[in-house]
N, C-alpha and C. Protein backbone atom coordinates (compact mmCIF):
# COMPACT_ATOMS: atom_id res chain seq x y z
N MET A 1 0.83 -1.20 0.00
CA MET A 1 0.00 0.00 0.00
C MET A 1 0.87 1.26 0.00
N ARG A 2 2.03 1.19 0.58
CA ARG A 2 2.89 2.37 0.64
C ARG A 2 3.42 2.78 -0.72
N GLU A 3 3.45 1.84 -1.67
CA GLU A 3 3.96 2.16 -3.01
C GLU A 3 2.89 2.77 -3.90
N LEU A 4 1.62 2.69 -3.49
CA LEU A 4 0.54 3.21 -4.32
C LEU A 4 0.55 4.73 -4.35
N GLU A 5 0.25 5.27 -5.52
CA GLU A 5 0.04 6.70 -5.64
C GLU A 5 -1.26 7.05 -4.93
N LEU A 6 -1.32 8.24 -4.33
CA LEU A 6 -2.50 8.66 -3.58
C LEU A 6 -3.36 9.63 -4.36
N VAL A 7 -4.66 9.49 -4.19
CA VAL A 7 -5.63 10.48 -4.64
C VAL A 7 -6.26 11.03 -3.36
N GLU A 8 -6.21 12.33 -3.17
CA GLU A 8 -6.74 12.94 -1.96
C GLU A 8 -8.19 13.38 -2.17
N LEU A 9 -9.06 12.90 -1.32
CA LEU A 9 -10.48 13.22 -1.36
C LEU A 9 -10.81 14.01 -0.10
N SER A 10 -11.35 15.22 -0.26
CA SER A 10 -11.65 16.04 0.91
C SER A 10 -12.90 15.51 1.61
N MET A 11 -13.05 15.89 2.85
CA MET A 11 -14.24 15.52 3.62
C MET A 11 -15.50 16.07 2.94
N GLU A 12 -15.39 17.24 2.35
CA GLU A 12 -16.51 17.85 1.64
C GLU A 12 -16.91 17.00 0.43
N GLU A 13 -15.92 16.53 -0.32
CA GLU A 13 -16.20 15.66 -1.47
C GLU A 13 -16.79 14.33 -1.02
N LEU A 14 -16.25 13.78 0.05
CA LEU A 14 -16.77 12.53 0.60
C LEU A 14 -18.21 12.69 1.04
N GLU A 15 -18.52 13.80 1.70
CA GLU A 15 -19.89 14.06 2.15
C GLU A 15 -20.85 14.21 0.98
N ALA A 16 -20.44 14.92 -0.06
CA ALA A 16 -21.29 15.06 -1.25
C ALA A 16 -21.57 13.69 -1.86
N TYR A 17 -20.56 12.85 -1.95
CA TYR A 17 -20.70 11.51 -2.50
C TYR A 17 -21.62 10.66 -1.61
N ARG A 18 -21.45 10.76 -0.31
CA ARG A 18 -22.27 10.00 0.64
C ARG A 18 -23.74 10.38 0.55
N LEU A 19 -24.00 11.68 0.48
CA LEU A 19 -25.39 12.13 0.40
C LEU A 19 -26.08 11.62 -0.86
N ARG A 20 -25.36 11.60 -1.96
CA ARG A 20 -25.94 11.15 -3.22
C ARG A 20 -26.08 9.63 -3.27
N HIS A 21 -25.06 8.91 -2.88
CA HIS A 21 -25.03 7.46 -3.14
C HIS A 21 -25.35 6.58 -1.93
N ILE A 22 -25.27 7.11 -0.74
CA ILE A 22 -25.64 6.33 0.44
C ILE A 22 -27.03 6.75 0.94
N LYS A 23 -27.25 8.06 1.01
CA LYS A 23 -28.56 8.55 1.46
C LYS A 23 -29.56 8.71 0.32
N ASP A 24 -29.10 8.57 -0.93
CA ASP A 24 -29.95 8.68 -2.13
C ASP A 24 -30.69 10.01 -2.23
N LEU A 25 -30.04 11.09 -1.82
CA LEU A 25 -30.65 12.41 -1.94
C LEU A 25 -30.45 12.95 -3.35
N ASP A 26 -31.43 13.73 -3.81
CA ASP A 26 -31.23 14.39 -5.10
C ASP A 26 -30.35 15.63 -4.88
N GLN A 27 -30.01 16.29 -5.97
CA GLN A 27 -29.08 17.41 -5.90
C GLN A 27 -29.59 18.53 -5.00
N GLU A 28 -30.85 18.85 -5.09
CA GLU A 28 -31.41 19.93 -4.28
C GLU A 28 -31.38 19.58 -2.79
N GLU A 29 -31.78 18.37 -2.45
CA GLU A 29 -31.77 17.94 -1.05
C GLU A 29 -30.35 17.90 -0.49
N ALA A 30 -29.43 17.37 -1.27
CA ALA A 30 -28.04 17.27 -0.82
C ALA A 30 -27.41 18.65 -0.64
N ALA A 31 -27.69 19.56 -1.55
CA ALA A 31 -27.17 20.92 -1.42
C ALA A 31 -27.69 21.58 -0.16
N THR A 32 -28.96 21.39 0.13
CA THR A 32 -29.56 21.94 1.35
C THR A 32 -28.88 21.35 2.58
N GLU A 33 -28.68 20.05 2.57
CA GLU A 33 -28.03 19.36 3.69
C GLU A 33 -26.60 19.88 3.92
N MET A 34 -25.92 20.22 2.83
CA MET A 34 -24.54 20.73 2.93
C MET A 34 -24.49 22.25 3.10
N HIS A 35 -25.66 22.89 3.15
CA HIS A 35 -25.73 24.35 3.30
C HIS A 35 -24.98 25.08 2.19
N THR A 36 -25.24 24.67 0.96
CA THR A 36 -24.58 25.28 -0.19
C THR A 36 -25.57 25.35 -1.35
N SER A 37 -25.18 26.03 -2.41
CA SER A 37 -26.03 26.11 -3.59
C SER A 37 -25.96 24.80 -4.37
N GLN A 38 -26.93 24.59 -5.23
CA GLN A 38 -26.94 23.38 -6.06
C GLN A 38 -25.73 23.34 -6.98
N SER A 39 -25.36 24.49 -7.53
CA SER A 39 -24.22 24.51 -8.45
C SER A 39 -22.92 24.19 -7.72
N THR A 40 -22.76 24.69 -6.51
CA THR A 40 -21.56 24.36 -5.72
C THR A 40 -21.55 22.89 -5.34
N TYR A 41 -22.71 22.38 -4.92
CA TYR A 41 -22.80 20.95 -4.60
C TYR A 41 -22.42 20.10 -5.80
N GLN A 42 -22.93 20.44 -6.97
CA GLN A 42 -22.63 19.68 -8.18
C GLN A 42 -21.13 19.72 -8.49
N ARG A 43 -20.51 20.88 -8.32
CA ARG A 43 -19.06 21.01 -8.56
C ARG A 43 -18.28 20.10 -7.61
N ILE A 44 -18.68 20.09 -6.34
CA ILE A 44 -18.01 19.25 -5.35
C ILE A 44 -18.19 17.77 -5.69
N LEU A 45 -19.41 17.38 -6.04
CA LEU A 45 -19.70 15.99 -6.36
C LEU A 45 -18.92 15.53 -7.59
N TYR A 46 -18.87 16.35 -8.63
CA TYR A 46 -18.13 15.95 -9.83
C TYR A 46 -16.63 15.87 -9.58
N SER A 47 -16.13 16.70 -8.68
CA SER A 47 -14.73 16.61 -8.29
C SER A 47 -14.48 15.26 -7.61
N ALA A 48 -15.41 14.86 -6.73
CA ALA A 48 -15.29 13.56 -6.07
C ALA A 48 -15.34 12.43 -7.10
N TYR A 49 -16.27 12.51 -8.05
CA TYR A 49 -16.38 11.48 -9.09
C TYR A 49 -15.07 11.32 -9.85
N LYS A 50 -14.48 12.45 -10.23
CA LYS A 50 -13.24 12.41 -11.02
C LYS A 50 -12.11 11.76 -10.22
N LYS A 51 -11.99 12.13 -8.96
CA LYS A 51 -10.93 11.58 -8.12
C LYS A 51 -11.14 10.09 -7.85
N ILE A 52 -12.37 9.69 -7.56
CA ILE A 52 -12.66 8.28 -7.30
C ILE A 52 -12.41 7.45 -8.55
N ALA A 53 -12.84 7.95 -9.71
CA ALA A 53 -12.60 7.24 -10.97
C ALA A 53 -11.11 7.11 -11.24
N ASP A 54 -10.35 8.17 -11.00
CA ASP A 54 -8.90 8.15 -11.19
C ASP A 54 -8.27 7.06 -10.33
N ALA A 55 -8.71 6.97 -9.07
CA ALA A 55 -8.17 5.96 -8.16
C ALA A 55 -8.53 4.55 -8.62
N LEU A 56 -9.77 4.34 -9.00
CA LEU A 56 -10.20 3.01 -9.43
C LEU A 56 -9.52 2.57 -10.72
N ILE A 57 -9.52 3.43 -11.70
CA ILE A 57 -8.94 3.09 -13.00
C ILE A 57 -7.42 3.00 -12.93
N GLY A 58 -6.81 3.89 -12.14
CA GLY A 58 -5.36 3.94 -12.06
C GLY A 58 -4.75 3.08 -10.98
N GLY A 59 -5.57 2.35 -10.23
CA GLY A 59 -5.05 1.51 -9.16
C GLY A 59 -4.39 2.30 -8.05
N LYS A 60 -4.97 3.44 -7.71
CA LYS A 60 -4.40 4.33 -6.70
C LYS A 60 -5.17 4.20 -5.39
N ALA A 61 -4.52 4.59 -4.31
CA ALA A 61 -5.16 4.61 -3.00
C ALA A 61 -5.90 5.93 -2.83
N ILE A 62 -6.97 5.90 -2.05
CA ILE A 62 -7.72 7.11 -1.74
C ILE A 62 -7.41 7.50 -0.31
N LYS A 63 -6.98 8.74 -0.13
CA LYS A 63 -6.71 9.27 1.20
C LYS A 63 -7.74 10.35 1.48
N ILE A 64 -8.46 10.20 2.59
CA ILE A 64 -9.44 11.19 3.00
C ILE A 64 -8.72 12.26 3.81
N ILE A 65 -8.85 13.52 3.38
CA ILE A 65 -8.18 14.61 4.07
C ILE A 65 -9.21 15.51 4.73
N LYS A 66 -8.81 16.15 5.81
CA LYS A 66 -9.74 16.99 6.56
C LYS A 66 -9.96 18.34 5.90
N GLY A 67 -8.95 18.91 5.27
CA GLY A 67 -9.09 20.22 4.64
C GLY A 67 -9.84 20.14 3.34
N ALA A 68 -10.66 21.15 3.05
CA ALA A 68 -11.46 21.17 1.82
C ALA A 68 -10.72 21.85 0.69
N ASP A 69 -9.55 22.41 0.94
CA ASP A 69 -8.83 23.18 -0.07
C ASP A 69 -8.03 22.35 -1.04
N LYS A 70 -7.88 21.04 -0.82
CA LYS A 70 -7.03 20.22 -1.67
C LYS A 70 -7.78 19.57 -2.77
């Protein structure tokens, strides 16, 4: 595992992904839950999708980070 390249997923991206795929909320409900606009929620979710896909396709590890700026 130490040799794997890392993909960093922020807590914000993880939460957006969780709301959509674990809680099955639609975009409007999830944005409300995250106290953000729908467009911002969508941007966060698509960022999570891209990072998760990169990790899966590229055989990379996913590291959950606390800061939302990465």
